[in-house]
Protein backbone atom coordinates (compact mmCIF):
# COMPACT_ATOMS: atom_id res chain seq x y z
CA MET A 1 113.79 42.57 -163.69
CA SER A 2 111.72 39.59 -162.25
CA ASN A 3 112.91 37.55 -165.61
CA ASN A 4 116.31 38.03 -164.89
CA SER A 5 115.57 36.34 -161.60
CA SER A 6 113.72 33.66 -162.70
CA GLY A 7 116.30 32.71 -165.51
CA GLY A 8 118.98 33.38 -162.32
CA LYS A 9 117.14 30.07 -160.54
CA ALA A 10 117.01 28.01 -163.60
CA LEU A 11 120.63 28.15 -164.05
CA ALA A 12 120.96 27.95 -160.58
CA PHE A 13 119.18 24.82 -160.05
CA PHE A 14 120.79 22.79 -163.50
CA LEU A 15 124.03 23.75 -161.89
CA GLY A 16 122.93 22.41 -158.21
CA LEU A 17 122.01 19.70 -160.65
CA LEU A 18 125.59 18.80 -162.07
CA PHE A 19 127.71 19.35 -159.50
CA GLY A 20 125.16 16.94 -157.70
CA ALA A 21 125.79 14.81 -160.41
CA LEU A 22 129.44 15.13 -160.58
CA LEU A 23 129.69 14.26 -156.70
CA GLY A 24 127.76 11.20 -156.86
CA GLY A 25 129.31 10.06 -160.55
CA GLY A 26 132.98 11.01 -158.40
CA LEU A 27 132.18 9.35 -155.15
CA GLY A 28 130.00 5.79 -156.94
CA LEU A 29 133.54 6.00 -158.80
CA ALA A 30 136.11 6.08 -156.14
CA LEU A 31 134.23 3.82 -154.02
CA ALA A 32 134.35 0.85 -156.81
CA PRO A 33 136.19 -2.15 -156.43
CA GLU A 34 138.41 -1.17 -159.36
CA LYS A 35 141.82 0.00 -159.98
CA GLY A 36 142.83 3.82 -159.40
CA GLU A 37 144.03 4.26 -163.28
CA GLU A 38 140.15 2.54 -164.84
CA THR A 39 138.52 4.48 -161.80
CA ARG A 40 140.29 7.81 -162.42
CA LYS A 41 139.74 6.82 -167.10
CA LYS A 42 135.82 6.62 -165.70
CA LEU A 43 135.64 9.46 -163.75
CA LYS A 44 137.14 11.97 -166.82
CA LYS A 45 134.47 10.36 -169.47
CA LYS A 46 132.06 10.44 -167.11
CA SER A 47 132.71 14.60 -166.06
CA GLU A 48 133.25 15.13 -170.25
CA GLU A 49 129.80 14.19 -170.34
CA ILE A 50 128.39 15.86 -168.01
CA LYS A 51 130.85 18.89 -169.66
CA GLU A 52 128.70 17.81 -172.50
CA LYS A 53 125.38 17.75 -171.60
CA VAL A 54 125.08 20.93 -169.46
CA ASP A 55 126.61 23.00 -172.54
CA GLU A 56 123.79 21.34 -174.42
CA ILE A 57 121.47 22.30 -171.53
CA TYR A 58 122.72 25.39 -171.16
CA GLU A 59 122.75 26.21 -174.94
CA ASP A 60 119.03 25.43 -175.37
CA LEU A 61 117.76 27.50 -172.04
CA LYS A 62 119.83 30.85 -173.70
CA GLU A 63 117.95 29.37 -177.11
CA ALA A 64 114.44 29.34 -175.52
CA SER A 65 115.31 32.58 -172.78
CA GLY A 66 115.89 35.46 -175.56
CA PRO A 67 112.77 35.24 -176.98
CA LEU A 68 111.63 35.86 -173.29
CA MET A 69 114.53 38.26 -172.59
CA GLU A 70 113.67 40.69 -175.49
CA ALA A 71 109.92 40.54 -174.77
CA ALA A 72 110.96 42.00 -171.05
CA GLU A 73 113.54 44.88 -172.21
CA GLU A 74 110.39 45.83 -174.44
CA PHE A 75 107.65 46.10 -171.94
CA GLU A 76 109.90 47.49 -169.23
CA PRO A 77 109.70 51.04 -170.26
CA VAL A 78 106.19 50.59 -170.33
CA VAL A 79 105.77 49.39 -166.47
CA SER A 80 107.83 52.09 -165.77
CA GLU A 81 105.98 54.83 -167.76
CA ALA A 82 102.71 53.00 -166.24
CA SER A 83 104.21 52.82 -162.51
CA GLU A 84 105.55 56.64 -162.92
CA ALA A 85 101.86 57.72 -164.32
CA ILE A 86 100.24 55.75 -161.08
CA SER A 87 102.61 56.97 -158.36
CA GLN A 88 101.56 60.58 -160.19
CA VAL A 89 97.91 60.13 -159.96
CA ALA A 90 98.42 58.39 -156.41
CA LYS A 91 100.48 62.11 -155.08
CA ALA A 92 97.42 63.96 -156.86
CA ALA A 93 94.32 61.91 -155.66
CA PRO A 94 93.65 63.56 -152.43
CA ALA A 95 94.18 67.56 -154.57
CA VAL A 96 91.75 66.22 -156.82
CA LYS A 97 89.26 64.67 -154.34
CA GLU A 98 89.24 68.44 -153.32
CA GLU A 99 88.69 70.03 -156.04
CA ILE A 100 85.82 67.17 -157.03
CA LYS A 101 84.60 68.23 -153.98
CA ASP A 102 84.28 71.44 -153.95
CA ARG A 103 82.48 71.73 -157.49
CA LEU A 104 80.09 70.02 -156.64
CA THR A 105 79.06 71.64 -153.58
CA ALA A 106 78.96 75.36 -156.02
CA ILE A 107 76.81 72.88 -158.34
CA SER A 108 74.47 71.54 -155.59
CA GLY A 109 74.71 75.20 -154.60
CA SER A 110 73.58 76.32 -157.61
CA LEU A 111 70.97 73.51 -158.04
CA ASN A 112 69.50 74.82 -155.10
CA SER A 113 68.82 78.45 -156.06
CA THR A 114 67.54 77.70 -159.54
CA LYS A 115 64.97 75.45 -157.36
CA LYS A 116 63.89 78.14 -155.17
CA ARG A 117 63.75 80.54 -158.37
CA PHE A 118 61.82 78.12 -160.31
CA PHE A 119 59.04 77.54 -157.69
CA LYS A 120 58.88 80.99 -156.76
CA ASN A 121 58.14 82.18 -160.27
CA VAL A 122 55.61 78.58 -161.03
CA ARG A 123 54.12 79.87 -157.97
CA ARG A 124 53.24 83.58 -159.27
């Protein structure tokens, strides 16, 4: 359903954000005027912090989207049934329109006939 698509877009955004942060942090530390060992320690520490943050954000998103996903799953059959009913009505519409037209013509004819008989009897 389209809701899954929305959740996928949010996840992709946060993964992109994470990747950008990692890349920016890594380049910043790599270009810093420190010894390689110190830089590697900082990179490792930063990557662990970022991983923890991403895990936390992921769990929050997963928890927050749970009720929404359940509601979407419950609503999906209703939407499917309504869509099918609308499709059937659309297919039947021309036949129904013709039937209504035919019945209106018949009613109109009966009404005219009744009028003629009524006024014929009134004039006598």
